Amino acid sequence: MEAKTRTGVVLINVGTPDSPAVGDVRKYLREFLGDGRVIDVPWFARKLLVNGIIAPFRAPKSAKAYRKLWTPEGSPLIVHGNALVVALQERLGPAFKVVLAMRYQNPRMKDALDGLIRDGVDRVVLVPLFPQYSSAATGTALQEAMALLGRYTDVPAVSSVPPFYNDEGYLGAFADRIRSHGPEGYDHVLFSFHGLPDRHIQRSHTECSTWLQKDLNRTAVAGCACEKGAFLKYPNCYKMQCHATARALAERCGLARKHWSVGFQSRLDQKWVTPFSDKLVEQYAKAGMKRLLVVSPAFVADCLETVIEIGDEYDELFKEHGGEHVQLVESLNAQPAWADALTRLVKAAC
């Protein structure tokens, strides 16, 4: 007799436009940047900023980048996500049903959860595919999923995979990717993580759960020194988790401390966590470095921020200032070692 599906597993990523057409990109940007956890300003100001300035002016440029990224099968984020679903399903077996969902656009999280409920699952495991915690990624994914699950008459048991920035399986899979490029043959290795506004970092340092208070702009600390160690006082500090990941990967790859560094990419303004990756790339080229290896452990699937921003734009920037080549280390995508690690994480969350 076929085993009954009892546990639904929802792999959640940020999202992607339905196509690289300007209209679809604009639609995606409006939904993504309209999220109050992403751009955390008052609702009316956010609407004016996103709909009146960012989306109209950024969409054509982003659409051009998406056209370079797009594959015959569609967006790489969807292609790699579907491949990971297959790999995870094979490992978990028929007692689990694995689905892919995006926080913004398609496949919709609502549709993924509706399908699982129709299949009669009595437990749902949410898997935000973000190794390091941030309110703008992990937080909003979990918030949306919980809100959707709360609509059902019979709400299933719910659990989630926590941030896995220090998970041995995740680190081992990424270290394999790095070693395959022979990091010893490069002048420097840059670990580039997605950037966040400074105020997002500071809020993770609050002493008394400010997310429950009316004044969400109050911060308990000015600045963040969490790159110096894993401070348990602020376990969800994004900056701490990024630096912890970089240190662990550098150690596994045998990198001397002077041969690697950490930067943050994809900023919208100057009040984001530093140092900025693009400025480091420029600095290293001007210092005489010729070959730069760039790793982005914040992404478990290749996307616009890895393939285009690092693989194309950083390579051009490096060459413009005297360097010869920036080599992107591929994301984990559906690598078997990563699928094995994720299987363990899902089972641990059940």
C-alpha atoms as a PDB file:
ATOM      1  CA  MET A   1       0.000   0.000   0.000  1.00  0.00           C
ATOM      2  CA  GLU A   2       1.315   3.456  -0.889  1.00  0.00           C
ATOM      3  CA  ALA A   3       2.406   5.486   2.130  1.00  0.00           C
ATOM      4  CA  LYS A   4       0.156   8.452   2.922  1.00  0.00           C
ATOM      5  CA  THR A   5       1.701  11.870   2.578  1.00  0.00           C
ATOM      6  CA  ARG A   6       1.715  13.231   6.117  1.00  0.00           C
ATOM      7  CA  THR A   7       4.282  16.016   6.022  1.00  0.00           C
ATOM      8  CA  GLY A   8       4.411  18.885   3.560  1.00  0.00           C
ATOM      9  CA  VAL A   9       7.767  20.574   2.989  1.00  0.00           C
ATOM     10  CA  VAL A  10       7.724  24.090   1.538  1.00  0.00           C
ATOM     11  CA  LEU A  11      10.998  25.385   0.086  1.00  0.00           C
ATOM     12  CA  ILE A  12      10.714  29.183   0.140  1.00  0.00           C
ATOM     13  CA  ASN A  13      12.865  31.581  -1.847  1.00  0.00           C
ATOM     14  CA  VAL A  14      12.524  35.320  -2.490  1.00  0.00           C
ATOM     15  CA  GLY A  15      11.062  35.270  -5.964  1.00  0.00           C
ATOM     16  CA  THR A  16      11.585  36.149  -9.596  1.00  0.00           C
ATOM     17  CA  PRO A  17       9.635  37.896 -12.343  1.00  0.00           C
ATOM     18  CA  ASP A  18       7.468  35.699 -14.567  1.00  0.00           C
ATOM     19  CA  SER A  19       9.558  36.826 -17.524  1.00  0.00           C
ATOM     20  CA  PRO A  20      12.329  39.332 -18.295  1.00  0.00           C
ATOM     21  CA  ALA A  21       9.803  41.708 -19.897  1.00  0.00           C
ATOM     22  CA  VAL A  22       9.813  45.185 -18.371  1.00  0.00           C
ATOM     23  CA  GLY A  23       6.182  44.888 -17.280  1.00  0.00           C
ATOM     24  CA  ASP A  24       6.760  41.627 -15.418  1.00  0.00           C
ATOM     25  CA  VAL A  25       9.917  42.962 -13.796  1.00  0.00           C
ATOM     26  CA  ARG A  26       8.084  46.108 -12.689  1.00  0.00           C
ATOM     27  CA  LYS A  27       5.294  43.989 -11.212  1.00  0.00           C
ATOM     28  CA  TYR A  28       7.817  41.894  -9.300  1.00  0.00           C
ATOM     29  CA  LEU A  29       9.691  44.946  -7.983  1.00  0.00           C
ATOM     30  CA  ARG A  30       6.474  46.546  -6.765  1.00  0.00           C
ATOM     31  CA  GLU A  31       5.496  43.474  -4.776  1.00  0.00           C
ATOM     32  CA  PHE A  32       9.000  42.802  -3.465  1.00  0.00           C
ATOM     33  CA  LEU A  33       9.936  46.361  -2.512  1.00  0.00           C
ATOM     34  CA  GLY A  34       6.402  47.105  -1.316  1.00  0.00           C
ATOM     35  CA  ASP A  35       6.906  44.696   1.588  1.00  0.00           C
ATOM     36  CA  GLY A  36       7.242  46.625   4.840  1.00  0.00           C
ATOM     37  CA  ARG A  37       9.917  44.232   6.054  1.00  0.00           C
ATOM     38  CA  VAL A  38      12.051  45.007   2.987  1.00  0.00           C
ATOM     39  CA  ILE A  39      11.664  48.790   2.838  1.00  0.00           C
ATOM     40  CA  ASP A  40      10.667  49.623   6.384  1.00  0.00           C
ATOM     41  CA  VAL A  41       9.307  53.137   6.060  1.00  0.00           C
ATOM     42  CA  PRO A  42       5.696  54.233   6.659  1.00  0.00           C
ATOM     43  CA  TRP A  43       3.187  52.722   4.232  1.00  0.00           C
ATOM     44  CA  PHE A  44       2.370  55.870   2.254  1.00  0.00           C
ATOM     45  CA  ALA A  45       6.014  56.892   1.880  1.00  0.00           C
ATOM     46  CA  ARG A  46       6.895  53.351   0.777  1.00  0.00           C
ATOM     47  CA  LYS A  47       4.152  53.402  -1.859  1.00  0.00           C
ATOM     48  CA  LEU A  48       5.369  56.698  -3.254  1.00  0.00           C
ATOM     49  CA  LEU A  49       8.993  55.573  -3.240  1.00  0.00           C
ATOM     50  CA  VAL A  50       8.410  52.162  -4.825  1.00  0.00           C
ATOM     51  CA  ASN A  51       5.603  52.943  -7.288  1.00  0.00           C
ATOM     52  CA  GLY A  52       6.693  56.462  -8.162  1.00  0.00           C
ATOM     53  CA  ILE A  53      10.481  56.199  -8.255  1.00  0.00           C
ATOM     54  CA  ILE A  54      12.149  52.802  -7.820  1.00  0.00           C
ATOM     55  CA  ALA A  55       9.967  50.476  -9.897  1.00  0.00           C
ATOM     56  CA  PRO A  56       9.464  52.785 -12.918  1.00  0.00           C
ATOM     57  CA  PHE A  57      13.138  53.718 -13.209  1.00  0.00           C
ATOM     58  CA  ARG A  58      14.725  50.460 -12.094  1.00  0.00           C
ATOM     59  CA  ALA A  59      12.525  48.061 -14.066  1.00  0.00           C
ATOM     60  CA  PRO A  60      14.059  48.677 -17.534  1.00  0.00           C
ATOM     61  CA  LYS A  61      17.610  48.236 -16.214  1.00  0.00           C
ATOM     62  CA  SER A  62      16.660  45.149 -14.205  1.00  0.00           C
ATOM     63  CA  ALA A  63      14.805  43.693 -17.196  1.00  0.00           C
ATOM     64  CA  LYS A  64      17.967  43.985 -19.280  1.00  0.00           C
ATOM     65  CA  ALA A  65      19.883  42.083 -16.587  1.00  0.00           C
ATOM     66  CA  TYR A  66      17.163  39.425 -16.344  1.00  0.00           C
ATOM     67  CA  ARG A  67      17.328  38.895 -20.115  1.00  0.00           C
ATOM     68  CA  LYS A  68      21.018  38.054 -19.757  1.00  0.00           C
ATOM     69  CA  LEU A  69      20.210  35.696 -16.888  1.00  0.00           C
ATOM     70  CA  TRP A  70      17.182  33.909 -18.398  1.00  0.00           C
ATOM     71  CA  THR A  71      17.511  30.347 -19.660  1.00  0.00           C
ATOM     72  CA  PRO A  72      15.373  28.432 -22.190  1.00  0.00           C
ATOM     73  CA  GLU A  73      13.721  26.741 -19.181  1.00  0.00           C
ATOM     74  CA  GLY A  74      13.032  30.089 -17.481  1.00  0.00           C
ATOM     75  CA  SER A  75      14.408  31.862 -14.428  1.00  0.00           C
ATOM     76  CA  PRO A  76      17.400  30.049 -12.870  1.00  0.00           C
ATOM     77  CA  LEU A  77      15.832  30.514  -9.438  1.00  0.00           C
ATOM     78  CA  ILE A  78      12.840  28.457 -10.574  1.00  0.00           C
ATOM     79  CA  VAL A  79      14.923  25.923 -12.511  1.00  0.00           C
ATOM     80  CA  HIS A  80      17.295  25.267  -9.595  1.00  0.00           C
ATOM     81  CA  GLY A  81      14.397  25.337  -7.121  1.00  0.00           C
ATOM     82  CA  ASN A  82      12.483  22.672  -9.029  1.00  0.00           C
ATOM     83  CA  ALA A  83      15.609  20.521  -9.301  1.00  0.00           C
ATOM     84  CA  LEU A  84      16.087  20.801  -5.535  1.00  0.00           C
ATOM     85  CA  VAL A  85      12.453  19.759  -4.989  1.00  0.00           C
ATOM     86  CA  VAL A  86      13.085  16.593  -7.012  1.00  0.00           C
ATOM     87  CA  ALA A  87      16.329  15.822  -5.178  1.00  0.00           C
ATOM     88  CA  LEU A  88      14.757  16.363  -1.759  1.00  0.00           C
ATOM     89  CA  GLN A  89      11.654  14.359  -2.623  1.00  0.00           C
ATOM     90  CA  GLU A  90      13.799  11.397  -3.651  1.00  0.00           C
ATOM     91  CA  ARG A  91      15.642  11.509  -0.327  1.00  0.00           C
ATOM     92  CA  LEU A  92      12.620  12.040   1.939  1.00  0.00           C
ATOM     93  CA  GLY A  93      10.347   9.470   0.331  1.00  0.00           C
ATOM     94  CA  PRO A  94       6.558   9.194  -0.134  1.00  0.00           C
ATOM     95  CA  ALA A  95       5.649  10.155   3.439  1.00  0.00           C
ATOM     96  CA  PHE A  96       6.680  13.714   2.486  1.00  0.00           C
ATOM     97  CA  LYS A  97       5.432  16.074  -0.211  1.00  0.00           C
ATOM     98  CA  VAL A  98       8.005  18.707  -1.237  1.00  0.00           C
ATOM     99  CA  VAL A  99       6.910  21.884  -3.022  1.00  0.00           C
ATOM    100  CA  LEU A 100       8.540  25.135  -4.095  1.00  0.00           C
ATOM    101  CA  ALA A 101       7.114  28.559  -3.238  1.00  0.00           C
ATOM    102  CA  MET A 102       8.256  32.133  -3.729  1.00  0.00           C
ATOM    103  CA  ARG A 103       7.601  34.930  -1.279  1.00  0.00           C
ATOM    104  CA  TYR A 104       6.865  37.201  -4.232  1.00  0.00           C
ATOM    105  CA  GLN A 105       5.299  36.209  -7.556  1.00  0.00           C
ATOM    106  CA  ASN A 106       5.154  32.611  -8.806  1.00  0.00           C
ATOM    107  CA  PRO A 107       4.907  29.866  -7.737  1.00  0.00           C
ATOM    108  CA  ARG A 108       2.720  31.501  -5.118  1.00  0.00           C
ATOM    109  CA  MET A 109       3.035  30.413  -1.518  1.00  0.00           C
ATOM    110  CA  LYS A 110      -0.760  30.367  -1.238  1.00  0.00           C
ATOM    111  CA  ASP A 111      -1.025  27.883  -4.109  1.00  0.00           C
ATOM    112  CA  ALA A 112       1.707  25.674  -2.637  1.00  0.00           C
ATOM    113  CA  LEU A 113       0.021  25.561   0.781  1.00  0.00           C
ATOM    114  CA  ASP A 114      -3.463  25.066  -0.700  1.00  0.00           C
ATOM    115  CA  GLY A 115      -2.143  22.040  -2.585  1.00  0.00           C
ATOM    116  CA  LEU A 116      -0.638  20.533   0.533  1.00  0.00           C
ATOM    117  CA  ILE A 117      -3.844  21.031   2.509  1.00  0.00           C
ATOM    118  CA  ARG A 118      -5.848  19.385  -0.283  1.00  0.00           C
ATOM    119  CA  ASP A 119      -3.429  16.451  -0.110  1.00  0.00           C
ATOM    120  CA  GLY A 120      -4.328  16.053   3.561  1.00  0.00           C
ATOM    121  CA  VAL A 121      -0.971  16.728   5.215  1.00  0.00           C
ATOM    122  CA  ASP A 122      -1.137  17.057   8.976  1.00  0.00           C
ATOM    123  CA  ARG A 123       2.244  18.784   9.346  1.00  0.00           C
ATOM    124  CA  VAL A 124       3.977  21.518   7.357  1.00  0.00           C
ATOM    125  CA  VAL A 125       7.704  22.190   7.509  1.00  0.00           C
ATOM    126  CA  LEU A 126       8.650  25.648   6.244  1.00  0.00           C
ATOM    127  CA  VAL A 127      12.131  25.914   4.767  1.00  0.00           C
ATOM    128  CA  PRO A 128      13.257  29.513   4.176  1.00  0.00           C
ATOM    129  CA  LEU A 129      16.217  29.021   1.826  1.00  0.00           C
ATOM    130  CA  PHE A 130      18.234  31.777   3.499  1.00  0.00           C
ATOM    131  CA  PRO A 131      21.285  30.549   5.443  1.00  0.00           C
ATOM    132  CA  GLN A 132      21.612  33.746   7.504  1.00  0.00           C
ATOM    133  CA  TYR A 133      18.587  35.243   9.249  1.00  0.00           C
ATOM    134  CA  SER A 134      17.184  38.605   8.216  1.00  0.00           C
ATOM    135  CA  SER A 135      13.795  40.167   8.778  1.00  0.00           C
ATOM    136  CA  ALA A 136      13.710  41.132   5.090  1.00  0.00           C
ATOM    137  CA  ALA A 137      14.055  37.519   3.913  1.00  0.00           C
ATOM    138  CA  THR A 138      13.490  34.837   6.575  1.00  0.00           C
ATOM    139  CA  GLY A 139      11.193  37.034   8.636  1.00  0.00           C
ATOM    140  CA  THR A 140       8.852  38.003   5.834  1.00  0.00           C
ATOM    141  CA  ALA A 141       8.755  34.455   4.434  1.00  0.00           C
ATOM    142  CA  LEU A 142       7.677  33.010   7.781  1.00  0.00           C
ATOM    143  CA  GLN A 143       5.224  35.832   8.453  1.00  0.00           C
ATOM    144  CA  GLU A 144       3.491  35.297   5.110  1.00  0.00           C
ATOM    145  CA  ALA A 145       3.378  31.524   5.524  1.00  0.00           C
ATOM    146  CA  MET A 146       1.896  31.768   9.025  1.00  0.00           C
ATOM    147  CA  ALA A 147      -0.732  34.253   7.868  1.00  0.00           C
ATOM    148  CA  LEU A 148      -1.760  31.959   5.024  1.00  0.00           C
ATOM    149  CA  LEU A 149      -1.857  28.856   7.224  1.00  0.00           C
ATOM    150  CA  GLY A 150      -4.079  30.701   9.690  1.00  0.00           C
ATOM    151  CA  ARG A 151      -6.837  30.905   7.060  1.00  0.00           C
ATOM    152  CA  TYR A 152      -7.554  27.191   7.122  1.00  0.00           C
ATOM    153  CA  THR A 153     -10.266  25.658   9.257  1.00  0.00           C
ATOM    154  CA  ASP A 154      -7.959  22.816  10.218  1.00  0.00           C
ATOM    155  CA  VAL A 155      -4.525  24.326  10.775  1.00  0.00           C
ATOM    156  CA  PRO A 156      -1.791  21.688  10.514  1.00  0.00           C
ATOM    157  CA  ALA A 157       1.134  21.453  12.888  1.00  0.00           C
ATOM    158  CA  VAL A 158       3.803  23.862  11.683  1.00  0.00           C
ATOM    159  CA  SER A 159       7.563  23.956  12.163  1.00  0.00           C
ATOM    160  CA  SER A 160      10.419  25.614  10.327  1.00  0.00           C
ATOM    161  CA  VAL A 161      14.049  25.015   9.533  1.00  0.00           C
ATOM    162  CA  PRO A 162      16.086  27.635  11.430  1.00  0.00           C
ATOM    163  CA  PRO A 163      18.935  29.655   9.889  1.00  0.00           C
ATOM    164  CA  PHE A 164      21.628  27.162   8.850  1.00  0.00           C
ATOM    165  CA  TYR A 165      24.598  29.525   8.510  1.00  0.00           C
ATOM    166  CA  ASN A 166      26.730  27.229  10.685  1.00  0.00           C
ATOM    167  CA  ASP A 167      25.291  23.866   9.634  1.00  0.00           C
ATOM    168  CA  GLU A 168      28.028  21.361   8.847  1.00  0.00           C
ATOM    169  CA  GLY A 169      26.266  20.025   5.741  1.00  0.00           C
ATOM    170  CA  TYR A 170      25.668  23.479   4.259  1.00  0.00           C
ATOM    171  CA  LEU A 171      29.254  24.541   5.020  1.00  0.00           C
ATOM    172  CA  GLY A 172      30.680  21.334   3.622  1.00  0.00           C
ATOM    173  CA  ALA A 173      28.723  21.676   0.372  1.00  0.00           C
ATOM    174  CA  PHE A 174      29.841  25.267  -0.138  1.00  0.00           C
ATOM    175  CA  ALA A 175      33.437  24.427   0.778  1.00  0.00           C
ATOM    176  CA  ASP A 176      33.372  21.760  -1.951  1.00  0.00           C
ATOM    177  CA  ARG A 177      32.273  24.416  -4.445  1.00  0.00           C
ATOM    178  CA  ILE A 178      35.094  26.745  -3.388  1.00  0.00           C
ATOM    179  CA  ARG A 179      37.791  24.052  -3.446  1.00  0.00           C
ATOM    180  CA  SER A 180      36.748  23.017  -6.957  1.00  0.00           C
ATOM    181  CA  HIS A 181      38.019  26.405  -8.167  1.00  0.00           C
ATOM    182  CA  GLY A 182      41.447  26.030  -6.564  1.00  0.00           C
ATOM    183  CA  PRO A 183      41.338  29.114  -4.309  1.00  0.00           C
ATOM    184  CA  GLU A 184      45.099  28.914  -3.828  1.00  0.00           C
ATOM    185  CA  GLY A 185      45.458  30.087  -7.429  1.00  0.00           C
ATOM    186  CA  TYR A 186      43.756  33.433  -6.739  1.00  0.00           C
ATOM    187  CA  ASP A 187      45.162  36.601  -5.201  1.00  0.00           C
ATOM    188  CA  HIS A 188      42.224  36.916  -2.839  1.00  0.00           C
ATOM    189  CA  VAL A 189      38.869  35.354  -1.913  1.00  0.00           C
ATOM    190  CA  LEU A 190      35.931  37.666  -1.262  1.00  0.00           C
ATOM    191  CA  PHE A 191      32.889  36.361   0.615  1.00  0.00           C
ATOM    192  CA  SER A 192      30.080  38.613  -0.595  1.00  0.00           C
ATOM    193  CA  PHE A 193      26.751  38.592   1.253  1.00  0.00           C
ATOM    194  CA  HIS A 194      23.556  40.424   0.397  1.00  0.00           C
ATOM    195  CA  GLY A 195      23.457  43.807   2.095  1.00  0.00           C
ATOM    196  CA  LEU A 196      20.932  45.168   4.583  1.00  0.00           C
ATOM    197  CA  PRO A 197      20.260  48.635   5.975  1.00  0.00           C
ATOM    198  CA  ASP A 198      22.240  49.323   9.150  1.00  0.00           C
ATOM    199  CA  ARG A 199      18.996  49.796  11.079  1.00  0.00           C
ATOM    200  CA  HIS A 200      17.967  46.200  10.285  1.00  0.00           C
ATOM    201  CA  ILE A 201      21.200  44.971  11.850  1.00  0.00           C
ATOM    202  CA  GLN A 202      20.770  47.163  14.904  1.00  0.00           C
ATOM    203  CA  ARG A 203      17.253  45.950  15.573  1.00  0.00           C
ATOM    204  CA  SER A 204      18.556  42.425  16.058  1.00  0.00           C
ATOM    205  CA  HIS A 205      20.595  43.829  18.968  1.00  0.00           C
ATOM    206  CA  THR A 206      17.672  45.124  20.989  1.00  0.00           C
ATOM    207  CA  GLU A 207      17.670  44.168  24.631  1.00  0.00           C
ATOM    208  CA  CYS A 208      13.948  43.788  25.166  1.00  0.00           C
ATOM    209  CA  SER A 209      12.150  42.479  22.078  1.00  0.00           C
ATOM    210  CA  THR A 210      11.484  45.819  20.381  1.00  0.00           C
ATOM    211  CA  TRP A 211       9.515  44.071  17.684  1.00  0.00           C
ATOM    212  CA  LEU A 212       6.715  43.939  20.292  1.00  0.00           C
ATOM    213  CA  GLN A 213       6.934  47.656  21.013  1.00  0.00           C
ATOM    214  CA  LYS A 214       5.305  50.546  19.209  1.00  0.00           C
ATOM    215  CA  ASP A 215       8.576  52.316  18.446  1.00  0.00           C
ATOM    216  CA  LEU A 216      10.285  49.901  16.046  1.00  0.00           C
ATOM    217  CA  ASN A 217      12.928  52.491  15.213  1.00  0.00           C
ATOM    218  CA  ARG A 218      14.498  52.422  18.662  1.00  0.00           C
ATOM    219  CA  THR A 219      17.816  50.625  18.775  1.00  0.00           C
ATOM    220  CA  ALA A 220      19.713  49.420  21.804  1.00  0.00           C
ATOM    221  CA  VAL A 221      23.163  49.707  20.279  1.00  0.00           C
ATOM    222  CA  ALA A 222      24.894  52.078  17.927  1.00  0.00           C
ATOM    223  CA  GLY A 223      26.738  49.959  15.407  1.00  0.00           C
ATOM    224  CA  CYS A 224      27.651  46.305  15.344  1.00  0.00           C
ATOM    225  CA  ALA A 225      30.932  44.597  16.150  1.00  0.00           C
ATOM    226  CA  CYS A 226      29.586  41.107  15.604  1.00  0.00           C
ATOM    227  CA  GLU A 227      32.124  40.356  12.898  1.00  0.00           C
ATOM    228  CA  LYS A 228      34.539  39.625  15.749  1.00  0.00           C
ATOM    229  CA  GLY A 229      32.726  36.582  17.003  1.00  0.00           C
ATOM    230  CA  ALA A 230      29.526  34.587  17.375  1.00  0.00           C
ATOM    231  CA  PHE A 231      27.791  36.532  20.121  1.00  0.00           C
ATOM    232  CA  LEU A 232      24.988  34.477  21.620  1.00  0.00           C
ATOM    233  CA  LYS A 233      23.496  37.651  23.084  1.00  0.00           C
ATOM    234  CA  TYR A 234      22.329  38.569  19.585  1.00  0.00           C
ATOM    235  CA  PRO A 235      21.862  35.162  17.916  1.00  0.00           C
ATOM    236  CA  ASN A 236      19.906  36.533  14.949  1.00  0.00           C
ATOM    237  CA  CYS A 237      22.331  39.310  14.065  1.00  0.00           C
ATOM    238  CA  TYR A 238      22.701  39.002  10.292  1.00  0.00           C
ATOM    239  CA  LYS A 239      26.178  40.488  10.317  1.00  0.00           C
ATOM    240  CA  MET A 240      27.355  38.030  12.969  1.00  0.00           C
ATOM    241  CA  GLN A 241      25.962  35.070  11.039  1.00  0.00           C
ATOM    242  CA  CYS A 242      27.559  36.208   7.760  1.00  0.00           C
ATOM    243  CA  HIS A 243      30.989  36.561   9.338  1.00  0.00           C
ATOM    244  CA  ALA A 244      30.593  33.232  11.125  1.00  0.00           C
ATOM    245  CA  THR A 245      29.840  31.550   7.789  1.00  0.00           C
ATOM    246  CA  ALA A 246      32.824  33.196   6.106  1.00  0.00           C
ATOM    247  CA  ARG A 247      35.214  32.197   8.889  1.00  0.00           C
ATOM    248  CA  ALA A 248      33.992  28.600   8.819  1.00  0.00           C
ATOM    249  CA  LEU A 249      34.343  28.339   5.036  1.00  0.00           C
ATOM    250  CA  ALA A 250      37.790  29.959   5.047  1.00  0.00           C
ATOM    251  CA  GLU A 251      38.934  27.480   7.683  1.00  0.00           C
ATOM    252  CA  ARG A 252      37.588  24.497   5.735  1.00  0.00           C
ATOM    253  CA  CYS A 253      39.353  25.710   2.593  1.00  0.00           C
ATOM    254  CA  GLY A 254      42.653  26.408   4.363  1.00  0.00           C
ATOM    255  CA  LEU A 255      42.651  30.132   3.566  1.00  0.00           C
ATOM    256  CA  ALA A 256      45.138  32.327   5.415  1.00  0.00           C
ATOM    257  CA  ARG A 257      43.426  35.255   7.169  1.00  0.00           C
ATOM    258  CA  LYS A 258      45.067  37.877   4.962  1.00  0.00           C
ATOM    259  CA  HIS A 259      43.819  36.135   1.815  1.00  0.00           C
ATOM    260  CA  TRP A 260      40.086  36.504   2.404  1.00  0.00           C
ATOM    261  CA  SER A 261      37.586  39.174   3.375  1.00  0.00           C
ATOM    262  CA  VAL A 262      33.863  39.827   3.780  1.00  0.00           C
ATOM    263  CA  GLY A 263      31.764  42.351   1.868  1.00  0.00           C
ATOM    264  CA  PHE A 264      28.087  43.171   1.335  1.00  0.00           C
ATOM    265  CA  GLN A 265      26.482  43.704  -2.057  1.00  0.00           C
ATOM    266  CA  SER A 266      23.246  44.956  -3.661  1.00  0.00           C
ATOM    267  CA  ARG A 267      22.865  48.079  -1.538  1.00  0.00           C
ATOM    268  CA  LEU A 268      20.240  50.741  -2.216  1.00  0.00           C
ATOM    269  CA  ASP A 269      22.035  53.580  -0.390  1.00  0.00           C
ATOM    270  CA  GLN A 270      25.085  54.387   1.722  1.00  0.00           C
ATOM    271  CA  LYS A 271      23.450  53.580   5.069  1.00  0.00           C
ATOM    272  CA  TRP A 272      23.804  49.848   4.571  1.00  0.00           C
ATOM    273  CA  VAL A 273      26.125  47.420   6.298  1.00  0.00           C
ATOM    274  CA  THR A 274      29.755  47.811   5.228  1.00  0.00           C
ATOM    275  CA  PRO A 275      32.197  47.165   3.676  1.00  0.00           C
ATOM    276  CA  PHE A 276      30.569  47.289   0.249  1.00  0.00           C
ATOM    277  CA  SER A 277      31.625  44.440  -2.034  1.00  0.00           C
ATOM    278  CA  ASP A 278      31.914  46.565  -5.170  1.00  0.00           C
ATOM    279  CA  LYS A 279      34.236  48.980  -3.407  1.00  0.00           C
ATOM    280  CA  LEU A 280      36.411  46.086  -2.236  1.00  0.00           C
ATOM    281  CA  VAL A 281      36.592  44.709  -5.790  1.00  0.00           C
ATOM    282  CA  GLU A 282      37.739  48.112  -7.020  1.00  0.00           C
ATOM    283  CA  GLN A 283      40.216  48.438  -4.146  1.00  0.00           C
ATOM    284  CA  TYR A 284      41.782  45.039  -4.794  1.00  0.00           C
ATOM    285  CA  ALA A 285      42.242  45.786  -8.493  1.00  0.00           C
ATOM    286  CA  LYS A 286      43.917  49.112  -7.730  1.00  0.00           C
ATOM    287  CA  ALA A 287      46.202  47.313  -5.264  1.00  0.00           C
ATOM    288  CA  GLY A 288      47.535  45.148  -8.088  1.00  0.00           C
ATOM    289  CA  MET A 289      45.524  41.972  -7.645  1.00  0.00           C
ATOM    290  CA  LYS A 290      44.822  40.171 -10.920  1.00  0.00           C
ATOM    291  CA  ARG A 291      42.626  37.185 -10.036  1.00  0.00           C
ATOM    292  CA  LEU A 292      39.773  37.396  -7.559  1.00  0.00           C
ATOM    293  CA  LEU A 293      37.532  34.533  -6.420  1.00  0.00           C
ATOM    294  CA  VAL A 294      34.108  35.646  -5.157  1.00  0.00           C
ATOM    295  CA  VAL A 295      31.769  33.460  -3.100  1.00  0.00           C
ATOM    296  CA  SER A 296      28.232  34.445  -2.124  1.00  0.00           C
ATOM    297  CA  PRO A 297      27.122  32.076   0.651  1.00  0.00           C
ATOM    298  CA  ALA A 298      23.927  34.049   1.287  1.00  0.00           C
ATOM    299  CA  PHE A 299      22.418  32.458  -1.834  1.00  0.00           C
ATOM    300  CA  VAL A 300      21.827  28.720  -2.161  1.00  0.00           C
ATOM    301  CA  ALA A 301      20.686  29.089  -5.785  1.00  0.00           C
ATOM    302  CA  ASP A 302      22.230  31.127  -8.566  1.00  0.00           C
ATOM    303  CA  CYS A 303      20.263  34.248  -9.417  1.00  0.00           C
ATOM    304  CA  LEU A 304      20.577  37.856 -10.575  1.00  0.00           C
ATOM    305  CA  GLU A 305      22.779  38.789  -7.610  1.00  0.00           C
ATOM    306  CA  THR A 306      25.294  36.035  -8.281  1.00  0.00           C
ATOM    307  CA  VAL A 307      25.403  35.413 -12.032  1.00  0.00           C
ATOM    308  CA  ILE A 308      24.960  39.027 -13.185  1.00  0.00           C
ATOM    309  CA  GLU A 309      26.026  41.260 -10.284  1.00  0.00           C
ATOM    310  CA  ILE A 310      29.120  39.253  -9.374  1.00  0.00           C
ATOM    311  CA  GLY A 311      29.863  37.206 -12.478  1.00  0.00           C
ATOM    312  CA  ASP A 312      29.394  40.056 -14.966  1.00  0.00           C
ATOM    313  CA  GLU A 313      29.343  43.453 -13.244  1.00  0.00           C
ATOM    314  CA  TYR A 314      32.091  42.809 -10.692  1.00  0.00           C
ATOM    315  CA  ASP A 315      34.245  41.243 -13.387  1.00  0.00           C
ATOM    316  CA  GLU A 316      33.874  44.387 -15.522  1.00  0.00           C
ATOM    317  CA  LEU A 317      34.591  46.626 -12.517  1.00  0.00           C
ATOM    318  CA  PHE A 318      37.697  44.624 -11.609  1.00  0.00           C
ATOM    319  CA  LYS A 319      39.051  44.825 -15.151  1.00  0.00           C
ATOM    320  CA  GLU A 320      38.270  48.541 -15.361  1.00  0.00           C
ATOM    321  CA  HIS A 321      40.653  49.194 -12.465  1.00  0.00           C
ATOM    322  CA  GLY A 322      43.511  46.926 -13.566  1.00  0.00           C
ATOM    323  CA  GLY A 323      42.432  43.408 -12.573  1.00  0.00           C
ATOM    324  CA  GLU A 324      42.203  40.498 -14.985  1.00  0.00           C
ATOM    325  CA  HIS A 325      39.358  38.234 -13.856  1.00  0.00           C
ATOM    326  CA  VAL A 326      36.676  37.795 -11.221  1.00  0.00           C
ATOM    327  CA  GLN A 327      35.597  34.174 -10.877  1.00  0.00           C
ATOM    328  CA  LEU A 328      32.174  33.498  -9.339  1.00  0.00           C
ATOM    329  CA  VAL A 329      31.836  30.359  -7.237  1.00  0.00           C
ATOM    330  CA  GLU A 330      28.553  28.739  -8.225  1.00  0.00           C
ATOM    331  CA  SER A 331      25.780  28.501  -5.651  1.00  0.00           C
ATOM    332  CA  LEU A 332      24.689  25.149  -4.232  1.00  0.00           C
ATOM    333  CA  ASN A 333      21.658  24.853  -6.548  1.00  0.00           C
ATOM    334  CA  ALA A 334      20.697  21.143  -6.428  1.00  0.00           C
ATOM    335  CA  GLN A 335      24.174  19.804  -5.657  1.00  0.00           C
ATOM    336  CA  PRO A 336      23.835  16.308  -4.080  1.00  0.00           C
ATOM    337  CA  ALA A 337      25.786  17.263  -0.958  1.00  0.00           C
ATOM    338  CA  TRP A 338      23.442  20.224  -0.430  1.00  0.00           C
ATOM    339  CA  ALA A 339      20.352  18.074  -0.999  1.00  0.00           C
ATOM    340  CA  ASP A 340      21.721  15.631   1.602  1.00  0.00           C
ATOM    341  CA  ALA A 341      22.286  18.454   4.083  1.00  0.00           C
ATOM    342  CA  LEU A 342      18.828  19.919   3.509  1.00  0.00           C
ATOM    343  CA  THR A 343      17.242  16.502   4.001  1.00  0.00           C
ATOM    344  CA  ARG A 344      18.838  16.298   7.446  1.00  0.00           C
ATOM    345  CA  LEU A 345      17.675  19.821   8.292  1.00  0.00           C
ATOM    346  CA  VAL A 346      14.088  19.010   7.289  1.00  0.00           C
ATOM    347  CA  LYS A 347      14.006  15.775   9.307  1.00  0.00           C
ATOM    348  CA  ALA A 348      15.414  17.593  12.336  1.00  0.00           C
ATOM    349  CA  ALA A 349      12.591  20.158  12.085  1.00  0.00           C
ATOM    350  CA  CYS A 350       9.821  17.536  12.018  1.00  0.00           C
END
